[in-house]
C-alpha cells in the first residue's frame, strides 16, 4: 500500500507519495515548502536525494516555484502536462479577467526570483507515471490534471475546486483559463469511481469529505 503524506502550507498544500523505495512529489509547493518537504522526508527516514520524480498537476507559480531548487537538491526527474508548458515558462497569453492572474504570476516570478525548471518528460491524458494515471481536468489551465491512484480509489486533483474554511467552491474566474471547462472537469471527477479526493487548496478534512463536496458542486 502506498503512503501519502500531505504537506500543508498556509494556503497551498501538496503531496508526497511513498511507493516501496520510490518517492514521488506531487507539485512543488509555494513559499516555505522547501523546509517543509525536508522535515517530512526526515520523519520518513528519507532526504531530498531520495525523491525520484516530481509530477505537476499544472503550471501555476504556487505549484512550480520550488521545482528548480528541488531538482538541484535531488537530481529527480520532472513530469509536467504538455499543454501547460507555456504556463511553466511564463508565456501564457492571459486574456479578459484572467489578466489579473497573469499580473500576479508575473509579479510573483519577479519578487520570488523564479527559475524555470528543466522538464524531463511531458505527459498527456491517460498516461501512466510511476503507477499514477493522468486524468485530464482542464479549465483551471489547459493542461490541468488529476493523478489517479487506482488501488486506493483516490484522486489527487490539484486545483479542481477549493475548500477554504470548509466551503467548497469553483476557483474564481480570474484564475481559470476556461471557467466553463473547469465546471465540466468537476463533473467528470465527480463521476469517477472514487473513495476520496485530495486538493491543493483545502481546509483540513478527509478525502471522503472532499469527494462528497466535489459531487455537491455538479
Foldseek 3Di string as FASTA:
>chain_A
DKDKDWQDDPFWIWIWIDDPQAIETEFQAAPPRPVSVQVVQVVVVHGLQSHAEYEYLAAACRRFQCVAVSCVVHVHAYEYAPQRVCSLVLNDDDDDLLVVVSVVRVVCCVVSVGDRHDHPYHDDAQDADPQWHWHQQAWLHRRRTWTANPVQLEIAREPLWAQPPRAIDRPDPNRTSHNVSSLVSLVVLLPRRGQFYHYTGHDDDTRNVVSVNSVVSD
